[in-house]
Amino acid sequence: MKIPLIFPAMVVGMTSLLPVAAAAGDRIDQDEARELVQRGEMLPLTELLERHADRTAGHLLDVDLEREHGRLVYEIEVLGSDGRVREFELDARDGRLLKEELED
């Protein structure tokens, strides 16, 4: 089976977008997160999970802390008791819900 010539060009074009997408949000590691909490610049994850217990009930799948456009954001993925995966974005400084969506 021959691969059309357009396919390799598409792959090269798509891979050139990867660094841009990765730069959209800078990940915060646990040491930096600990320092930010100690300095009072953000809330601890445990507090945010308690504040949003109704949304985060179920099995916690993934948590990321990123700096997006100067804002510290927790991205949280939860498998609910209904079997659906939900993703939330919370402002790490004040706990505000920024975004909520159901995964397909």
N, C-alpha and C. Protein backbone atom coordinates (compact mmCIF):
# COMPACT_ATOMS: atom_id res chain seq x y z
N MET A 1 0.84 -1.18 0.00
CA MET A 1 0.00 0.00 0.00
C MET A 1 0.89 1.24 0.00
N LYS A 2 0.62 2.13 -0.92
CA LYS A 2 1.40 3.37 -1.01
C LYS A 2 0.78 4.43 -0.12
N ILE A 3 1.63 5.18 0.56
CA ILE A 3 1.18 6.29 1.40
C ILE A 3 1.20 7.55 0.54
N PRO A 4 0.09 8.26 0.47
CA PRO A 4 0.07 9.49 -0.33
C PRO A 4 1.15 10.46 0.14
N LEU A 5 1.70 11.21 -0.80
CA LEU A 5 2.76 12.16 -0.47
C LEU A 5 2.29 13.23 0.50
N ILE A 6 1.03 13.52 0.53
CA ILE A 6 0.53 14.57 1.42
C ILE A 6 0.65 14.15 2.90
N PHE A 7 0.59 12.83 3.17
CA PHE A 7 0.63 12.36 4.56
C PHE A 7 1.91 12.78 5.30
N PRO A 8 3.12 12.53 4.76
CA PRO A 8 4.33 12.99 5.47
C PRO A 8 4.34 14.50 5.69
N ALA A 9 3.83 15.26 4.73
CA ALA A 9 3.80 16.72 4.89
C ALA A 9 2.87 17.11 6.02
N MET A 10 1.74 16.38 6.16
CA MET A 10 0.82 16.67 7.25
C MET A 10 1.46 16.39 8.60
N VAL A 11 2.19 15.28 8.68
CA VAL A 11 2.84 14.91 9.94
C VAL A 11 3.87 15.96 10.32
N VAL A 12 4.68 16.38 9.38
CA VAL A 12 5.68 17.42 9.65
C VAL A 12 5.00 18.71 10.07
N GLY A 13 3.94 19.08 9.39
CA GLY A 13 3.21 20.30 9.74
C GLY A 13 2.61 20.23 11.12
N MET A 14 2.08 19.07 11.50
CA MET A 14 1.47 18.92 12.81
C MET A 14 2.50 18.95 13.92
N THR A 15 3.67 18.33 13.70
CA THR A 15 4.68 18.30 14.75
C THR A 15 5.25 19.69 14.99
N SER A 16 5.19 20.56 14.00
CA SER A 16 5.70 21.91 14.23
C SER A 16 4.79 22.69 15.18
N LEU A 17 3.55 22.23 15.38
CA LEU A 17 2.63 22.89 16.30
C LEU A 17 2.83 22.46 17.74
N LEU A 18 3.49 21.34 17.97
CA LEU A 18 3.63 20.81 19.33
C LEU A 18 4.30 21.76 20.31
N PRO A 19 5.43 22.39 20.00
CA PRO A 19 6.02 23.31 20.97
C PRO A 19 5.11 24.48 21.33
N VAL A 20 4.32 24.94 20.38
CA VAL A 20 3.40 26.04 20.65
C VAL A 20 2.34 25.60 21.65
N ALA A 21 1.78 24.42 21.45
CA ALA A 21 0.75 23.91 22.35
C ALA A 21 1.33 23.68 23.74
N ALA A 22 2.52 23.16 23.83
CA ALA A 22 3.13 22.89 25.13
C ALA A 22 3.41 24.19 25.88
N ALA A 23 3.69 25.25 25.16
CA ALA A 23 4.02 26.52 25.79
C ALA A 23 2.78 27.28 26.28
N ALA A 24 1.59 26.80 25.89
CA ALA A 24 0.35 27.50 26.26
C ALA A 24 0.16 27.55 27.77
N GLY A 25 0.57 26.51 28.49
CA GLY A 25 0.47 26.48 29.94
C GLY A 25 1.74 25.91 30.53
N ASP A 26 2.38 26.64 31.43
CA ASP A 26 3.62 26.16 32.05
C ASP A 26 3.27 25.35 33.29
N ARG A 27 3.71 24.10 33.33
CA ARG A 27 3.44 23.23 34.47
C ARG A 27 4.24 23.67 35.68
N ILE A 28 3.61 23.55 36.84
CA ILE A 28 4.24 23.89 38.11
C ILE A 28 4.56 22.57 38.82
N ASP A 29 5.80 22.39 39.25
CA ASP A 29 6.14 21.15 39.95
C ASP A 29 5.77 21.26 41.43
N GLN A 30 5.87 20.14 42.15
CA GLN A 30 5.40 20.12 43.54
C GLN A 30 6.21 21.02 44.46
N ASP A 31 7.50 21.18 44.20
CA ASP A 31 8.31 22.07 45.05
C ASP A 31 7.87 23.53 44.90
N GLU A 32 7.65 23.95 43.67
CA GLU A 32 7.19 25.32 43.44
C GLU A 32 5.79 25.52 44.01
N ALA A 33 4.92 24.50 43.86
CA ALA A 33 3.56 24.60 44.40
C ALA A 33 3.60 24.75 45.91
N ARG A 34 4.45 23.99 46.58
CA ARG A 34 4.59 24.09 48.04
C ARG A 34 5.01 25.50 48.45
N GLU A 35 5.97 26.06 47.72
CA GLU A 35 6.43 27.42 48.02
C GLU A 35 5.31 28.45 47.81
N LEU A 36 4.55 28.30 46.74
CA LEU A 36 3.45 29.22 46.45
C LEU A 36 2.38 29.16 47.55
N VAL A 37 2.09 27.97 48.05
CA VAL A 37 1.12 27.81 49.14
C VAL A 37 1.67 28.45 50.40
N GLN A 38 2.94 28.20 50.72
CA GLN A 38 3.55 28.76 51.93
C GLN A 38 3.58 30.28 51.89
N ARG A 39 3.76 30.85 50.70
CA ARG A 39 3.77 32.31 50.57
C ARG A 39 2.37 32.90 50.49
N GLY A 40 1.35 32.04 50.49
CA GLY A 40 -0.02 32.53 50.43
C GLY A 40 -0.46 32.96 49.05
N GLU A 41 0.26 32.55 48.01
CA GLU A 41 -0.07 32.95 46.65
C GLU A 41 -1.10 32.03 46.00
N MET A 42 -1.35 30.89 46.62
CA MET A 42 -2.38 29.98 46.11
C MET A 42 -2.88 29.11 47.26
N LEU A 43 -4.04 28.51 47.04
CA LEU A 43 -4.65 27.64 48.05
C LEU A 43 -4.14 26.20 47.88
N PRO A 44 -4.08 25.46 48.98
CA PRO A 44 -3.68 24.05 48.85
C PRO A 44 -4.76 23.25 48.11
N LEU A 45 -4.34 22.24 47.40
CA LEU A 45 -5.26 21.40 46.65
C LEU A 45 -6.32 20.79 47.55
N THR A 46 -5.95 20.36 48.74
CA THR A 46 -6.93 19.74 49.65
C THR A 46 -8.08 20.69 49.96
N GLU A 47 -7.77 21.96 50.14
CA GLU A 47 -8.82 22.95 50.41
C GLU A 47 -9.74 23.11 49.21
N LEU A 48 -9.17 23.15 48.02
CA LEU A 48 -9.99 23.30 46.82
C LEU A 48 -10.87 22.07 46.60
N LEU A 49 -10.34 20.89 46.87
CA LEU A 49 -11.13 19.67 46.71
C LEU A 49 -12.29 19.66 47.71
N GLU A 50 -12.06 20.16 48.92
CA GLU A 50 -13.14 20.25 49.91
C GLU A 50 -14.20 21.27 49.48
N ARG A 51 -13.76 22.41 48.97
CA ARG A 51 -14.70 23.45 48.52
C ARG A 51 -15.59 22.97 47.38
N HIS A 52 -15.04 22.10 46.55
CA HIS A 52 -15.76 21.61 45.37
C HIS A 52 -16.05 20.11 45.50
N ALA A 53 -16.38 19.67 46.71
CA ALA A 53 -16.60 18.25 46.98
C ALA A 53 -17.69 17.66 46.10
N ASP A 54 -18.73 18.43 45.80
CA ASP A 54 -19.80 17.92 44.95
C ASP A 54 -19.31 17.64 43.53
N ARG A 55 -18.40 18.45 43.02
CA ARG A 55 -17.86 18.26 41.68
C ARG A 55 -16.78 17.19 41.63
N THR A 56 -16.01 17.06 42.69
CA THR A 56 -14.86 16.16 42.68
C THR A 56 -15.16 14.81 43.32
N ALA A 57 -16.43 14.54 43.63
CA ALA A 57 -16.80 13.24 44.19
C ALA A 57 -16.57 12.16 43.13
N GLY A 58 -15.96 11.08 43.54
CA GLY A 58 -15.66 9.99 42.61
C GLY A 58 -14.20 9.64 42.70
N HIS A 59 -13.65 9.15 41.61
CA HIS A 59 -12.26 8.73 41.56
C HIS A 59 -11.43 9.81 40.87
N LEU A 60 -10.47 10.36 41.60
CA LEU A 60 -9.59 11.40 41.05
C LEU A 60 -8.64 10.75 40.05
N LEU A 61 -8.69 11.20 38.81
CA LEU A 61 -7.87 10.62 37.75
C LEU A 61 -6.56 11.38 37.52
N ASP A 62 -6.64 12.71 37.56
CA ASP A 62 -5.46 13.51 37.22
C ASP A 62 -5.62 14.91 37.78
N VAL A 63 -4.49 15.46 38.24
CA VAL A 63 -4.45 16.85 38.69
C VAL A 63 -3.18 17.47 38.14
N ASP A 64 -3.33 18.61 37.50
CA ASP A 64 -2.19 19.37 37.01
C ASP A 64 -2.32 20.79 37.53
N LEU A 65 -1.19 21.39 37.83
CA LEU A 65 -1.14 22.80 38.20
C LEU A 65 -0.32 23.50 37.15
N GLU A 66 -0.92 24.51 36.53
CA GLU A 66 -0.25 25.23 35.45
C GLU A 66 -0.39 26.72 35.63
N ARG A 67 0.52 27.43 35.02
CA ARG A 67 0.42 28.89 34.94
C ARG A 67 -0.06 29.19 33.53
N GLU A 68 -1.28 29.72 33.43
CA GLU A 68 -1.87 30.03 32.14
C GLU A 68 -2.16 31.53 32.07
N HIS A 69 -1.47 32.20 31.19
CA HIS A 69 -1.66 33.64 31.00
C HIS A 69 -1.53 34.38 32.33
N GLY A 70 -0.54 33.99 33.12
CA GLY A 70 -0.27 34.66 34.39
C GLY A 70 -1.14 34.20 35.55
N ARG A 71 -2.05 33.28 35.31
CA ARG A 71 -2.96 32.79 36.35
C ARG A 71 -2.58 31.35 36.71
N LEU A 72 -2.59 31.03 38.01
CA LEU A 72 -2.35 29.67 38.46
C LEU A 72 -3.66 28.90 38.38
N VAL A 73 -3.65 27.77 37.66
CA VAL A 73 -4.86 27.00 37.39
C VAL A 73 -4.64 25.53 37.71
N TYR A 74 -5.55 24.97 38.51
CA TYR A 74 -5.59 23.53 38.73
C TYR A 74 -6.50 22.94 37.66
N GLU A 75 -6.01 21.94 36.96
CA GLU A 75 -6.83 21.16 36.03
C GLU A 75 -7.07 19.82 36.70
N ILE A 76 -8.32 19.49 36.95
CA ILE A 76 -8.67 18.29 37.70
C ILE A 76 -9.60 17.42 36.86
N GLU A 77 -9.27 16.12 36.76
CA GLU A 77 -10.11 15.16 36.06
C GLU A 77 -10.62 14.15 37.06
N VAL A 78 -11.93 13.90 37.03
CA VAL A 78 -12.58 13.00 37.98
C VAL A 78 -13.49 12.03 37.23
N LEU A 79 -13.42 10.75 37.62
CA LEU A 79 -14.37 9.76 37.14
C LEU A 79 -15.49 9.70 38.16
N GLY A 80 -16.67 10.17 37.78
CA GLY A 80 -17.80 10.23 38.70
C GLY A 80 -18.44 8.87 38.92
N SER A 81 -19.29 8.78 39.91
CA SER A 81 -19.99 7.54 40.22
C SER A 81 -20.93 7.12 39.08
N ASP A 82 -21.25 8.06 38.20
CA ASP A 82 -22.09 7.76 37.04
C ASP A 82 -21.28 7.22 35.86
N GLY A 83 -19.95 7.08 36.05
CA GLY A 83 -19.09 6.54 35.00
C GLY A 83 -18.62 7.56 33.99
N ARG A 84 -18.94 8.81 34.21
CA ARG A 84 -18.53 9.87 33.28
C ARG A 84 -17.31 10.60 33.82
N VAL A 85 -16.44 11.00 32.90
CA VAL A 85 -15.24 11.74 33.27
C VAL A 85 -15.53 13.23 33.12
N ARG A 86 -15.24 13.96 34.18
CA ARG A 86 -15.43 15.41 34.18
C ARG A 86 -14.07 16.08 34.37
N GLU A 87 -13.92 17.21 33.69
CA GLU A 87 -12.70 17.99 33.84
C GLU A 87 -13.09 19.38 34.34
N PHE A 88 -12.34 19.84 35.33
CA PHE A 88 -12.58 21.16 35.92
C PHE A 88 -11.30 21.96 35.87
N GLU A 89 -11.44 23.24 35.73
CA GLU A 89 -10.33 24.16 35.91
C GLU A 89 -10.71 25.09 37.04
N LEU A 90 -9.84 25.16 38.04
CA LEU A 90 -10.07 26.01 39.21
C LEU A 90 -8.95 27.02 39.33
N ASP A 91 -9.29 28.25 39.65
CA ASP A 91 -8.29 29.27 39.94
C ASP A 91 -7.61 28.88 41.25
N ALA A 92 -6.31 28.68 41.22
CA ALA A 92 -5.58 28.20 42.40
C ALA A 92 -5.46 29.27 43.48
N ARG A 93 -5.64 30.53 43.14
CA ARG A 93 -5.51 31.61 44.13
C ARG A 93 -6.76 31.76 44.99
N ASP A 94 -7.94 31.63 44.35
CA ASP A 94 -9.18 31.86 45.12
C ASP A 94 -10.18 30.71 45.05
N GLY A 95 -9.89 29.68 44.28
CA GLY A 95 -10.75 28.51 44.22
C GLY A 95 -11.93 28.63 43.27
N ARG A 96 -12.02 29.73 42.54
CA ARG A 96 -13.13 29.95 41.61
C ARG A 96 -13.14 28.90 40.50
N LEU A 97 -14.33 28.41 40.14
CA LEU A 97 -14.48 27.51 39.01
C LEU A 97 -14.33 28.31 37.73
N LEU A 98 -13.38 27.94 36.89
CA LEU A 98 -13.14 28.64 35.64
C LEU A 98 -13.78 27.93 34.46
N LYS A 99 -13.80 26.59 34.53
CA LYS A 99 -14.31 25.81 33.41
C LYS A 99 -14.72 24.44 33.91
N GLU A 100 -15.76 23.88 33.31
CA GLU A 100 -16.22 22.55 33.65
C GLU A 100 -16.73 21.90 32.38
N GLU A 101 -16.29 20.66 32.13
CA GLU A 101 -16.78 19.98 30.94
C GLU A 101 -16.79 18.48 31.15
N LEU A 102 -17.66 17.80 30.39
CA LEU A 102 -17.73 16.35 30.38
C LEU A 102 -16.84 15.86 29.24
N GLU A 103 -16.05 14.84 29.52
CA GLU A 103 -15.23 14.22 28.47
C GLU A 103 -16.08 13.23 27.70
N ASP A 104 -15.75 13.02 26.44
CA ASP A 104 -16.46 12.04 25.62
C ASP A 104 -15.96 10.65 25.89
